[in-house]
N, C-alpha and C. Protein backbone atom coordinates (compact mmCIF):
# COMPACT_ATOMS: atom_id res chain seq x y z
N GLN A 1 0.84 -1.23 0.01
CA GLN A 1 0.09 -0.09 0.13
C GLN A 1 0.94 1.32 0.10
N TYR A 2 1.99 1.39 0.82
CA TYR A 2 2.71 2.37 0.79
C TYR A 2 3.55 2.75 -0.51
N GLU A 3 3.98 1.56 -1.21
CA GLU A 3 4.51 1.70 -2.58
C GLU A 3 3.43 2.31 -3.41
N GLN A 4 2.20 1.84 -3.35
CA GLN A 4 1.14 2.33 -4.30
C GLN A 4 0.94 3.88 -4.02
N LYS A 5 0.65 4.17 -2.85
CA LYS A 5 0.51 5.57 -2.62
C LYS A 5 1.86 6.46 -2.95
N ARG A 6 2.98 6.03 -2.64
CA ARG A 6 4.05 6.86 -3.11
C ARG A 6 4.12 7.08 -4.71
N LEU A 7 3.74 5.95 -5.57
CA LEU A 7 3.84 6.16 -6.78
C LEU A 7 2.60 7.11 -7.16
N ALA A 8 1.50 7.05 -6.58
CA ALA A 8 0.31 7.91 -6.85
C ALA A 8 0.65 9.29 -6.61
N VAL A 9 1.52 9.59 -5.53
CA VAL A 9 1.98 10.97 -5.24
C VAL A 9 2.93 11.42 -6.23
N GLU A 10 3.84 10.53 -6.71
CA GLU A 10 4.75 11.02 -7.79
C GLU A 10 3.77 11.34 -9.17
N GLU A 11 2.89 10.56 -9.61
CA GLU A 11 2.12 10.59 -10.69
C GLU A 11 1.53 12.17 -10.67
N ALA A 12 0.82 12.18 -9.37
CA ALA A 12 0.06 13.61 -9.17
C ALA A 12 1.08 14.67 -9.58
N LEU A 13 2.25 14.71 -8.90
CA LEU A 13 3.05 15.59 -9.13
C LEU A 13 3.56 15.83 -10.60
N ASP A 14 3.76 14.75 -11.29
CA ASP A 14 4.19 14.70 -12.54
C ASP A 14 3.12 15.24 -13.57
N LYS A 15 1.92 15.20 -13.23
CA LYS A 15 0.66 15.55 -14.05
C LYS A 15 0.18 16.83 -13.56
N CYS A 16 0.87 17.34 -12.61
CA CYS A 16 0.38 18.75 -12.06
C CYS A 16 -1.00 18.66 -11.51
N GLU A 17 -1.36 17.59 -10.95
CA GLU A 17 -2.60 17.36 -10.37
C GLU A 17 -2.39 17.74 -8.77
N TYR A 18 -2.39 19.07 -8.45
CA TYR A 18 -2.01 19.47 -7.09
C TYR A 18 -2.92 19.20 -5.90
N GLU A 19 -4.22 19.25 -6.31
CA GLU A 19 -5.33 18.76 -5.34
C GLU A 19 -5.20 17.47 -5.00
N ARG A 20 -5.04 16.60 -6.03
CA ARG A 20 -4.80 14.97 -5.77
C ARG A 20 -3.58 14.72 -5.05
N TYR A 21 -2.45 15.46 -5.24
CA TYR A 21 -1.33 15.43 -4.67
C TYR A 21 -1.51 15.67 -2.82
N ILE A 22 -2.24 16.59 -2.80
CA ILE A 22 -2.54 16.94 -1.45
C ILE A 22 -3.24 16.00 -0.56
N TRP A 23 -4.51 15.59 -1.25
CA TRP A 23 -5.26 14.50 -0.72
C TRP A 23 -4.77 13.24 -0.60
N LEU A 24 -3.98 12.90 -1.25
CA LEU A 24 -3.04 11.70 -1.08
C LEU A 24 -2.19 11.58 0.13
N HIS A 25 -2.02 12.52 0.76
CA HIS A 25 -1.28 12.67 2.06
C HIS A 25 -2.41 12.60 3.24
N GLU A 26 -2.08 11.99 4.21
CA GLU A 26 -2.93 11.85 5.52
C GLU A 26 -3.19 13.26 6.04
N ARG A 27 -4.38 13.53 6.78
CA ARG A 27 -4.84 14.71 7.11
C ARG A 27 -3.81 15.64 7.86
N PRO A 28 -2.98 14.90 8.87
CA PRO A 28 -2.10 15.79 9.59
C PRO A 28 -0.83 16.33 8.60
N TYR A 29 -0.74 15.81 7.45
CA TYR A 29 0.41 16.14 6.63
C TYR A 29 0.07 16.97 5.38
N ARG A 30 -1.36 17.28 5.13
CA ARG A 30 -1.61 18.12 4.03
C ARG A 30 -1.34 19.44 3.95
N LEU A 31 -1.16 20.22 5.20
CA LEU A 31 -0.64 21.55 5.12
C LEU A 31 0.87 21.53 4.80
N GLU A 32 1.55 20.73 5.33
CA GLU A 32 3.01 20.47 5.06
C GLU A 32 3.17 20.22 3.50
N ALA A 33 2.63 19.32 3.04
CA ALA A 33 2.36 19.05 1.67
C ALA A 33 2.13 20.27 0.73
N PHE A 34 1.19 20.90 1.15
CA PHE A 34 0.81 22.29 0.29
C PHE A 34 2.04 23.15 0.36
N ILE A 35 2.77 23.54 1.48
CA ILE A 35 3.75 24.35 1.63
C ILE A 35 4.94 23.64 0.70
N SER A 36 5.20 22.54 0.86
CA SER A 36 6.08 21.83 0.05
C SER A 36 5.98 22.09 -1.49
N LEU A 37 4.87 21.86 -1.83
CA LEU A 37 4.41 22.20 -3.23
C LEU A 37 4.91 23.64 -3.83
N ILE A 38 4.63 24.62 -2.98
CA ILE A 38 5.03 26.08 -3.07
C ILE A 38 6.49 26.33 -3.03
N ASP A 39 7.04 25.96 -1.72
CA ASP A 39 8.37 26.42 -1.32
C ASP A 39 9.47 25.38 -1.92
N GLU A 40 9.26 24.17 -2.07
CA GLU A 40 10.23 23.37 -2.33
C GLU A 40 10.21 22.75 -3.73
N LEU A 41 9.05 22.29 -3.93
CA LEU A 41 8.75 21.66 -5.34
C LEU A 41 8.65 22.66 -6.52
N GLY A 42 8.42 23.98 -6.14
CA GLY A 42 8.13 24.93 -7.23
C GLY A 42 7.08 24.79 -8.21
N ALA A 43 5.97 24.21 -7.50
CA ALA A 43 4.69 23.95 -8.42
C ALA A 43 4.21 25.29 -8.94
N ASP A 44 3.69 25.38 -10.16
CA ASP A 44 3.21 26.61 -10.81
C ASP A 44 1.70 26.44 -10.45
N ILE A 45 1.43 26.97 -9.17
CA ILE A 45 0.06 26.94 -8.72
C ILE A 45 -0.45 28.27 -8.97
N THR A 46 -1.50 28.33 -9.64
CA THR A 46 -2.28 29.70 -10.03
C THR A 46 -2.91 30.21 -8.47
N ASP A 47 -3.17 31.48 -8.48
CA ASP A 47 -3.83 32.19 -7.42
C ASP A 47 -5.18 31.45 -7.15
N ALA A 48 -5.96 31.14 -8.20
CA ALA A 48 -7.24 30.58 -7.86
C ALA A 48 -7.03 28.97 -7.26
N GLN A 49 -6.02 28.28 -7.70
CA GLN A 49 -5.74 27.07 -7.06
C GLN A 49 -5.22 27.14 -5.66
N TYR A 50 -4.41 27.99 -5.56
CA TYR A 50 -3.86 28.45 -4.12
C TYR A 50 -4.95 28.43 -3.06
N TRP A 51 -5.83 29.36 -3.44
CA TRP A 51 -6.92 29.79 -2.42
C TRP A 51 -8.16 28.60 -2.29
N GLN A 52 -8.24 27.94 -3.45
CA GLN A 52 -9.13 26.79 -3.39
C GLN A 52 -8.62 25.71 -2.48
N ILE A 53 -7.42 25.27 -2.93
CA ILE A 53 -6.84 24.32 -2.17
C ILE A 53 -6.63 24.51 -0.66
N LEU A 54 -5.97 25.74 -0.27
CA LEU A 54 -5.80 26.21 0.96
C LEU A 54 -7.06 26.06 1.69
N GLY A 55 -8.19 26.68 1.22
CA GLY A 55 -9.55 26.73 1.80
C GLY A 55 -9.95 25.16 2.21
N GLU A 56 -9.75 24.29 1.18
CA GLU A 56 -10.15 22.84 1.47
C GLU A 56 -9.33 22.24 2.56
N ILE A 57 -8.00 22.46 2.59
CA ILE A 57 -7.17 22.12 3.51
C ILE A 57 -7.64 22.54 5.12
N TRP A 58 -7.89 23.79 5.06
CA TRP A 58 -8.42 24.67 6.38
C TRP A 58 -9.51 23.95 6.81
N THR A 59 -10.56 23.75 5.97
CA THR A 59 -11.87 23.32 6.30
C THR A 59 -11.72 21.88 6.86
N ASP A 60 -10.85 21.16 6.46
CA ASP A 60 -10.53 19.69 6.74
C ASP A 60 -9.70 19.62 8.06
N THR A 61 -8.93 20.53 8.39
CA THR A 61 -7.91 20.50 9.55
C THR A 61 -8.49 20.41 10.83
N GLU A 62 -8.08 19.67 11.69
CA GLU A 62 -8.49 19.40 13.14
C GLU A 62 -7.82 20.42 14.07
N ASN A 63 -6.36 20.55 13.98
CA ASN A 63 -5.62 21.30 15.07
C ASN A 63 -4.84 22.47 14.22
N ALA A 64 -5.61 23.39 13.82
CA ALA A 64 -4.90 24.38 13.12
C ALA A 64 -3.80 25.22 14.03
N HIS A 65 -4.13 25.23 15.37
CA HIS A 65 -3.33 26.13 16.18
C HIS A 65 -1.93 25.62 16.27
N GLN A 66 -1.67 24.37 16.13
CA GLN A 66 -0.19 23.83 16.33
C GLN A 66 0.76 24.33 14.93
N ASN A 67 -0.05 24.81 13.93
CA ASN A 67 0.71 25.64 12.70
C ASN A 67 0.27 26.87 12.41
N ILE A 68 -0.05 27.54 13.54
CA ILE A 68 -0.61 28.74 13.40
C ILE A 68 0.22 29.77 12.74
N ASN A 69 1.58 29.92 12.81
CA ASN A 69 2.54 30.74 11.89
C ASN A 69 2.40 30.37 10.56
N GLU A 70 2.27 29.13 10.22
CA GLU A 70 2.14 28.70 8.74
C GLU A 70 0.94 29.10 8.26
N TRP A 71 -0.12 29.05 8.94
CA TRP A 71 -1.38 29.35 8.37
C TRP A 71 -1.61 30.91 8.37
N ALA A 72 -0.98 31.48 9.30
CA ALA A 72 -1.03 33.16 9.20
C ALA A 72 -0.24 33.56 7.85
N ASP A 73 0.99 33.05 7.59
CA ASP A 73 1.81 33.26 6.24
C ASP A 73 0.98 32.96 5.11
N LEU A 74 0.40 31.78 5.09
CA LEU A 74 -0.55 31.31 3.92
C LEU A 74 -1.57 32.20 3.62
N PHE A 75 -2.44 32.44 4.64
CA PHE A 75 -3.67 33.40 4.67
C PHE A 75 -3.22 34.72 4.27
N GLY A 76 -2.04 35.28 4.56
CA GLY A 76 -1.46 36.71 4.48
C GLY A 76 -1.02 36.76 3.08
N ALA A 77 -0.76 35.68 2.20
CA ALA A 77 -0.25 35.82 0.99
C ALA A 77 -0.80 36.83 -0.10
N ASP A 78 -0.05 37.62 -0.70
CA ASP A 78 -0.27 38.55 -1.59
C ASP A 78 -0.74 37.99 -2.91
N ARG A 79 -1.90 37.37 -3.04
CA ARG A 79 -2.35 36.67 -4.24
C ARG A 79 -3.74 37.17 -4.59
N ALA A 80 -4.14 37.08 -5.69
CA ALA A 80 -5.53 37.62 -6.21
C ALA A 80 -6.42 36.38 -5.81
N ASP A 81 -7.60 36.81 -5.97
CA ASP A 81 -8.77 35.70 -5.75
C ASP A 81 -8.96 35.02 -4.48
N ARG A 82 -8.60 35.62 -3.34
CA ARG A 82 -8.67 35.22 -2.03
C ARG A 82 -10.18 34.72 -1.77
N HIS A 83 -11.08 35.46 -2.40
CA HIS A 83 -12.57 35.14 -2.18
C HIS A 83 -12.75 33.64 -2.41
N LEU A 84 -11.86 32.80 -3.22
CA LEU A 84 -12.15 31.56 -3.57
C LEU A 84 -11.97 30.70 -2.38
N LEU A 85 -11.40 31.21 -1.20
CA LEU A 85 -11.62 30.39 -0.06
C LEU A 85 -12.90 30.10 0.47
N MET A 86 -13.94 30.75 -0.07
CA MET A 86 -15.36 30.65 0.21
C MET A 86 -16.14 30.04 -0.81
N THR A 87 -17.32 29.56 -0.50
CA THR A 87 -18.18 29.14 -1.38
C THR A 87 -19.01 30.47 -1.87
N GLU A 88 -19.85 30.49 -2.94
CA GLU A 88 -20.68 31.79 -3.44
C GLU A 88 -21.64 31.96 -2.35
N ASP A 89 -22.15 31.08 -1.47
CA ASP A 89 -23.07 31.30 -0.52
C ASP A 89 -22.45 32.04 0.58
N GLU A 90 -21.20 31.62 1.00
CA GLU A 90 -20.44 32.27 2.05
C GLU A 90 -20.07 33.52 1.87
N ILE A 91 -19.84 33.96 0.46
CA ILE A 91 -19.42 35.19 0.06
C ILE A 91 -20.75 36.26 0.27
N ALA A 92 -21.82 35.76 -0.17
CA ALA A 92 -23.24 36.23 -0.01
C ALA A 92 -23.40 36.56 1.45
N GLU A 93 -23.16 35.67 2.23
CA GLU A 93 -23.38 35.83 3.77
C GLU A 93 -22.56 36.84 4.41
N LEU A 94 -21.04 36.87 3.96
CA LEU A 94 -20.29 37.80 4.40
C LEU A 94 -20.62 39.19 3.86
N ASN A 95 -21.02 39.40 2.74
CA ASN A 95 -21.45 40.63 2.27
C ASN A 95 -22.68 41.14 2.99
N ALA A 96 -23.44 40.20 3.47
CA ALA A 96 -24.79 40.70 4.13
C ALA A 96 -24.58 41.09 5.67
N LEU A 97 -23.22 40.86 6.29
CA LEU A 97 -22.85 41.24 7.49
C LEU A 97 -22.61 42.68 7.67
N PRO A 98 -22.65 43.20 8.86
CA PRO A 98 -22.52 44.68 9.19
C PRO A 98 -21.01 44.94 8.88
N ASP A 99 -20.77 46.35 8.61
CA ASP A 99 -19.28 46.70 8.49
C ASP A 99 -18.46 46.47 9.77
N THR A 100 -19.12 46.44 10.95
CA THR A 100 -18.36 46.23 12.08
C THR A 100 -18.82 44.87 12.72
N LEU A 101 -17.85 44.09 12.97
CA LEU A 101 -18.29 42.50 13.40
C LEU A 101 -17.92 42.27 14.82
N THR A 102 -18.74 41.78 15.69
CA THR A 102 -18.30 41.38 16.92
C THR A 102 -18.01 39.88 16.80
N ILE A 103 -16.70 39.41 17.24
CA ILE A 103 -16.35 38.06 16.94
C ILE A 103 -15.85 37.58 18.37
N TYR A 104 -15.94 36.17 18.26
CA TYR A 104 -15.55 35.49 19.61
C TYR A 104 -14.56 34.26 19.30
N ARG A 105 -13.75 33.98 20.35
CA ARG A 105 -12.80 32.85 20.13
C ARG A 105 -12.84 32.00 21.36
N GLY A 106 -13.29 30.77 21.39
CA GLY A 106 -13.29 29.86 22.50
C GLY A 106 -11.85 29.36 22.51
N CYS A 107 -11.26 29.35 23.76
CA CYS A 107 -9.78 28.91 23.68
C CYS A 107 -9.65 28.49 25.17
N ILE A 108 -8.33 28.25 25.44
CA ILE A 108 -7.88 27.93 26.73
C ILE A 108 -6.92 29.02 27.11
N HIS A 109 -7.17 29.69 28.25
CA HIS A 109 -6.54 30.96 28.66
C HIS A 109 -4.94 30.67 28.78
N GLY A 110 -4.25 31.53 28.04
CA GLY A 110 -2.82 31.30 27.96
C GLY A 110 -2.36 30.37 27.13
N LEU A 111 -3.07 29.76 26.30
CA LEU A 111 -2.58 28.58 25.59
C LEU A 111 -2.86 28.83 24.09
N ASN A 112 -3.98 29.05 23.57
CA ASN A 112 -4.32 29.36 22.14
C ASN A 112 -5.08 30.49 21.78
N GLU A 113 -4.82 31.57 22.62
CA GLU A 113 -5.69 32.80 22.41
C GLU A 113 -5.26 33.55 21.19
N ASP A 114 -4.24 33.23 20.50
CA ASP A 114 -3.69 33.98 19.23
C ASP A 114 -4.15 33.51 18.04
N GLY A 115 -5.24 32.79 18.06
CA GLY A 115 -5.61 32.12 16.81
C GLY A 115 -6.17 33.04 15.57
N ILE A 116 -6.27 32.61 14.38
CA ILE A 116 -6.87 33.25 13.46
C ILE A 116 -8.37 33.00 13.16
N SER A 117 -8.85 31.84 13.85
CA SER A 117 -10.30 31.44 13.66
C SER A 117 -11.10 31.95 14.82
N TRP A 118 -12.14 32.71 14.49
CA TRP A 118 -13.07 33.36 15.36
C TRP A 118 -14.42 33.02 14.84
N THR A 119 -15.47 33.21 15.50
CA THR A 119 -16.78 33.16 14.99
C THR A 119 -17.71 34.42 15.59
N THR A 120 -18.88 34.44 14.62
CA THR A 120 -19.66 35.30 15.08
C THR A 120 -20.75 35.06 16.11
N ASP A 121 -20.66 33.60 16.48
CA ASP A 121 -21.68 33.06 17.30
C ASP A 121 -20.98 32.78 18.70
N ARG A 122 -21.26 33.59 19.62
CA ARG A 122 -20.78 33.26 21.15
C ARG A 122 -21.17 31.97 21.51
N ASN A 123 -22.20 31.31 21.43
CA ASN A 123 -22.42 29.92 21.78
C ASN A 123 -21.44 28.94 21.27
N ARG A 124 -21.20 29.02 20.09
CA ARG A 124 -20.07 28.39 19.19
C ARG A 124 -18.64 28.39 19.97
N ALA A 125 -18.39 29.62 20.35
CA ALA A 125 -17.00 30.04 20.97
C ALA A 125 -17.00 29.40 22.37
N GLU A 126 -18.24 29.34 22.92
CA GLU A 126 -18.17 28.69 24.26
C GLU A 126 -17.95 27.13 24.19
N TRP A 127 -18.68 26.58 22.99
CA TRP A 127 -18.52 25.11 22.89
C TRP A 127 -16.90 24.86 22.51
N PHE A 128 -16.33 25.68 21.83
CA PHE A 128 -14.81 25.43 21.56
C PHE A 128 -13.98 25.64 22.72
N ALA A 129 -14.38 26.59 23.50
CA ALA A 129 -13.73 26.62 24.86
C ALA A 129 -13.74 25.53 25.71
N ASN A 130 -14.90 24.84 25.72
CA ASN A 130 -15.21 23.79 26.63
C ASN A 130 -14.96 22.51 25.88
N ARG A 131 -14.43 22.37 24.71
CA ARG A 131 -14.54 21.17 23.98
C ARG A 131 -13.70 20.05 24.43
N PHE A 132 -12.58 20.46 25.12
CA PHE A 132 -11.65 19.52 25.44
C PHE A 132 -11.29 19.74 27.09
N GLN A 133 -11.12 18.82 27.88
CA GLN A 133 -10.88 18.94 29.26
C GLN A 133 -9.14 19.19 29.10
N ASN A 134 -8.82 20.27 29.83
CA ASN A 134 -7.49 20.76 29.76
C ASN A 134 -6.93 21.16 31.02
N PRO A 135 -6.11 20.20 31.68
CA PRO A 135 -5.32 20.84 32.92
C PRO A 135 -4.54 21.93 32.87
N ASP A 136 -4.09 22.26 31.58
CA ASP A 136 -3.24 23.44 31.76
C ASP A 136 -3.76 24.71 31.70
N GLY A 137 -5.06 24.66 31.76
CA GLY A 137 -5.61 26.28 31.47
C GLY A 137 -6.97 26.11 31.67
N THR A 138 -7.64 27.33 31.78
CA THR A 138 -8.91 27.59 32.12
C THR A 138 -9.75 28.11 30.72
N PRO A 139 -10.73 27.50 30.41
CA PRO A 139 -11.53 27.74 29.06
C PRO A 139 -11.90 29.19 29.36
N CYS A 140 -11.89 30.03 28.12
CA CYS A 140 -12.35 31.30 28.08
C CYS A 140 -12.75 31.66 26.70
N VAL A 141 -13.60 32.73 26.58
CA VAL A 141 -14.11 33.19 25.38
C VAL A 141 -13.57 34.54 25.27
N LEU A 142 -12.83 34.95 24.18
CA LEU A 142 -12.28 36.29 23.77
C LEU A 142 -13.34 36.82 23.00
N GLN A 143 -13.40 38.33 23.04
CA GLN A 143 -14.21 38.90 22.23
C GLN A 143 -13.61 40.25 21.80
N GLN A 144 -13.78 40.57 20.39
CA GLN A 144 -13.31 41.66 19.91
C GLN A 144 -14.20 42.32 18.81
N GLN A 145 -13.99 43.42 18.36
CA GLN A 145 -14.67 43.90 17.22
C GLN A 145 -13.71 44.26 16.08
N ILE A 146 -14.10 43.88 14.77
CA ILE A 146 -13.24 44.20 13.87
C ILE A 146 -14.10 44.72 12.56
N ALA A 147 -13.31 45.26 11.70
CA ALA A 147 -14.03 45.65 10.55
C ALA A 147 -14.22 44.71 9.56
N LYS A 148 -15.36 44.63 8.87
CA LYS A 148 -15.57 43.59 7.92
C LYS A 148 -14.31 43.53 6.88
N SER A 149 -13.91 44.38 6.48
CA SER A 149 -12.67 44.65 5.61
C SER A 149 -11.35 43.73 6.19
N GLU A 150 -11.43 43.36 7.52
CA GLU A 150 -10.30 42.62 8.06
C GLU A 150 -10.56 41.11 7.93
N VAL A 151 -11.66 40.75 7.45
CA VAL A 151 -12.03 39.32 7.35
C VAL A 151 -11.61 38.75 6.06
N ILE A 152 -10.63 37.70 6.30
CA ILE A 152 -10.04 37.00 5.21
C ILE A 152 -11.16 35.99 4.62
N ALA A 153 -11.73 35.44 5.37
CA ALA A 153 -12.97 34.36 4.76
C ALA A 153 -13.83 34.35 5.84
N TYR A 154 -15.21 34.06 5.43
CA TYR A 154 -16.46 33.65 6.33
C TYR A 154 -16.82 32.37 5.88
N ILE A 155 -16.63 31.47 6.79
CA ILE A 155 -16.92 30.04 6.36
C ILE A 155 -18.10 29.64 7.29
N THR A 156 -19.09 29.21 6.69
CA THR A 156 -20.42 28.75 7.38
C THR A 156 -20.51 27.00 6.92
N ARG A 157 -19.78 26.56 6.17
CA ARG A 157 -20.19 25.20 5.80
C ARG A 157 -20.07 24.15 6.87
N ARG A 158 -19.43 24.50 7.88
CA ARG A 158 -19.37 23.52 9.06
C ARG A 158 -20.42 23.99 10.11
N SER A 159 -21.12 25.01 9.86
CA SER A 159 -22.24 25.62 10.87
C SER A 159 -21.37 26.29 12.04
N GLU A 160 -20.26 26.81 11.73
CA GLU A 160 -19.46 27.56 12.94
C GLU A 160 -19.43 29.06 12.74
N ASN A 161 -19.90 29.47 11.60
CA ASN A 161 -20.04 31.05 11.52
C ASN A 161 -18.58 31.57 11.60
N GLU A 162 -17.56 30.78 11.06
CA GLU A 162 -16.13 31.14 11.24
C GLU A 162 -15.67 32.23 10.50
N VAL A 163 -14.95 33.19 11.34
CA VAL A 163 -14.22 34.43 10.58
C VAL A 163 -12.82 34.16 10.76
N LEU A 164 -12.27 34.03 9.56
CA LEU A 164 -10.76 34.02 9.59
C LEU A 164 -10.11 35.56 9.44
N THR A 165 -9.40 35.70 10.51
CA THR A 165 -8.65 37.22 10.46
C THR A 165 -7.37 37.15 11.01
N LEU A 166 -6.53 37.96 10.42
CA LEU A 166 -5.06 38.16 11.00
C LEU A 166 -4.95 39.27 11.96
N SER A 167 -6.17 39.95 12.14
CA SER A 167 -6.02 41.13 13.18
C SER A 167 -6.57 40.70 14.47
N HIS A 168 -5.68 40.43 15.39
CA HIS A 168 -6.09 40.05 16.81
C HIS A 168 -4.86 40.60 17.89
């Protein structure tokens, strides 16, 4: 199985099938594979492909905080078509939001407060704050106001009303 997968990864690279290349990697390694495509393998990824693939990886990831610096760098990229992180429905929902947003982040005090993933739903933030038992800290919900122009993406497909922002 390993050899078959290795050959499939090589074939995907040879054929410039970048999405396939990413999804052939196991979930914890997809972000690393994406970074490798850009930084090491010199893949000629269009801006549209960049944002679509990055959005799919983000939506599938389970523990974004462990790679917070990499995510921040990738989401901060100076590339066109960033709106492709979102579906058409999510774009419409973002456009319908007010110019100033109150956003919340459920986290563990002193542990993962510096995230780029927030929500417009306080109840969802409370759920995230209390999601895991953590002996290293106290669950907390952070709140801030940001301009809608500071939103990188608004993702609703997981029913989280997720706001991605680098301003925190």
